[in-house]
Amino acid sequence: MLYTHAISESTITTEDAKSVMTAILSHHRFVYESLLFQLSPKQKQVLLAIANERNATGVTSQAFLQKYKLGSSTVQGAIKVLTERDFISYDNDSYQVSDRFFREWIIKRF
């Protein structure tokens, strides 16, 4: 999409990139909704917390648990499932949503 725009225009603006991002997120909306439907409410809550943090560290710390109103065992169990299903990944001592477009959709929607 952005490439197509670049062919017809000499420069790409931030607004162009935002417009393309919005189109991509809209196009994948039903896929993202079905992905969330697969999760339990607690798993979804942990996924939303990680998405909001972008690079979530200390996910079992008191600060994280209190900020997102989670229990330690809830987070540990959800992290295991979310990692196994490739919703999230662990890299550089932090958890991130594996699909960056999915993360952006979550942040915009919730």
Protein backbone atom coordinates (compact mmCIF):
# COMPACT_ATOMS: atom_id res chain seq x y z
CA MET A 1 0.00 0.00 0.00
CA LEU A 2 2.67 2.47 0.99
CA TYR A 3 4.80 1.32 -1.94
CA THR A 4 1.91 1.96 -4.34
CA HIS A 5 1.55 5.45 -2.95
CA ALA A 6 5.30 6.05 -3.28
CA ILE A 7 5.16 5.28 -7.00
CA SER A 8 2.64 8.05 -7.63
CA GLU A 9 4.10 10.58 -5.16
CA SER A 10 7.66 11.81 -4.84
CA THR A 11 7.65 11.77 -1.03
CA ILE A 12 5.88 9.82 1.67
CA THR A 13 4.63 11.78 4.65
CA THR A 14 3.86 10.69 8.19
CA GLU A 15 0.19 11.10 7.34
CA ASP A 16 0.62 8.68 4.42
CA ALA A 17 2.14 6.10 6.76
CA LYS A 18 -0.65 6.60 9.33
CA SER A 19 -3.27 6.22 6.62
CA VAL A 20 -1.73 2.97 5.41
CA MET A 21 -1.47 1.69 9.00
CA THR A 22 -5.16 2.42 9.56
CA ALA A 23 -6.05 0.57 6.34
CA ILE A 24 -3.96 -2.47 7.32
CA LEU A 25 -5.50 -2.62 10.79
CA SER A 26 -8.99 -2.29 9.35
CA HIS A 27 -8.30 -5.00 6.78
CA HIS A 28 -7.17 -7.46 9.47
CA ARG A 29 -9.83 -6.53 12.03
CA PHE A 30 -11.78 -9.79 11.76
CA VAL A 31 -8.64 -11.91 12.08
CA TYR A 32 -7.58 -9.98 15.18
CA GLU A 33 -11.04 -10.28 16.72
CA SER A 34 -11.03 -14.04 16.14
CA LEU A 35 -7.58 -14.30 17.75
CA LEU A 36 -8.85 -12.55 20.88
CA PHE A 37 -11.92 -14.81 20.90
CA GLN A 38 -9.59 -17.82 21.37
CA LEU A 39 -8.33 -16.49 24.69
CA SER A 40 -9.78 -16.74 28.16
CA PRO A 41 -10.68 -13.42 29.81
CA LYS A 42 -7.52 -13.54 31.99
CA GLN A 43 -5.27 -14.38 29.03
CA LYS A 44 -6.80 -11.50 27.12
CA GLN A 45 -6.25 -9.18 30.10
CA VAL A 46 -2.55 -10.13 30.24
CA LEU A 47 -2.19 -9.72 26.47
CA LEU A 48 -3.73 -6.24 26.66
CA ALA A 49 -1.37 -5.30 29.50
CA ILE A 50 1.67 -6.45 27.52
CA ALA A 51 0.44 -4.62 24.42
CA ASN A 52 0.01 -1.40 26.39
CA GLU A 53 3.50 -1.70 27.85
CA ARG A 54 4.98 -2.44 24.39
CA ASN A 55 8.06 -3.96 26.08
CA ALA A 56 6.72 -5.45 29.29
CA THR A 57 9.31 -6.09 31.97
CA GLY A 58 8.68 -7.27 35.50
CA VAL A 59 5.33 -8.81 34.60
CA THR A 60 5.11 -10.49 38.00
CA SER A 61 6.23 -7.40 39.94
CA GLN A 62 3.81 -5.77 42.35
CA ALA A 63 3.81 -2.58 40.28
CA PHE A 64 2.75 -4.40 37.08
CA LEU A 65 0.21 -6.59 38.88
CA GLN A 66 -1.39 -3.60 40.62
CA LYS A 67 -1.37 -1.40 37.52
CA TYR A 68 -3.32 -4.01 35.54
CA LYS A 69 -5.22 -5.56 38.48
CA LEU A 70 -3.75 -9.02 37.91
CA GLY A 71 -2.67 -11.88 40.13
CA SER A 72 0.80 -13.40 39.92
CA SER A 73 -0.46 -16.91 39.16
CA THR A 74 -2.82 -15.50 36.52
CA VAL A 75 0.07 -13.78 34.77
CA GLN A 76 2.35 -16.81 34.92
CA GLY A 77 -0.29 -19.12 33.47
CA ALA A 78 -1.33 -16.65 30.78
CA ILE A 79 2.29 -15.95 29.78
CA LYS A 80 2.84 -19.68 29.27
CA VAL A 81 -0.21 -20.03 27.00
CA LEU A 82 0.36 -16.77 25.12
CA THR A 83 3.98 -17.72 24.43
CA GLU A 84 3.07 -21.25 23.32
CA ARG A 85 0.44 -19.87 20.94
CA ASP A 86 2.89 -17.23 19.66
CA PHE A 87 0.76 -14.28 20.74
CA ILE A 88 3.76 -12.92 22.63
CA SER A 89 7.51 -13.38 22.55
CA TYR A 90 10.28 -12.87 25.10
CA ASP A 91 13.35 -10.96 23.97
CA ASN A 92 15.86 -8.67 25.70
CA ASP A 93 14.33 -9.31 29.13
CA SER A 94 10.85 -8.17 28.08
CA TYR A 95 7.63 -9.54 26.64
CA GLN A 96 6.14 -8.09 23.45
CA VAL A 97 3.14 -8.89 21.29
CA SER A 98 4.65 -10.94 18.46
CA ASP A 99 2.71 -9.23 15.65
CA ARG A 100 3.29 -5.47 15.75
CA PHE A 101 0.19 -4.73 13.70
CA PHE A 102 -1.88 -6.82 16.14
CA ARG A 103 -0.33 -4.84 19.02
CA GLU A 104 -1.27 -1.54 17.38
CA TRP A 105 -4.80 -2.78 16.75
CA ILE A 106 -5.11 -3.81 20.42
CA ILE A 107 -3.85 -0.41 21.61
CA LYS A 108 -6.24 1.48 19.32
CA ARG A 109 -9.22 -0.73 20.18
CA PHE A 110 -8.81 -1.03 23.94
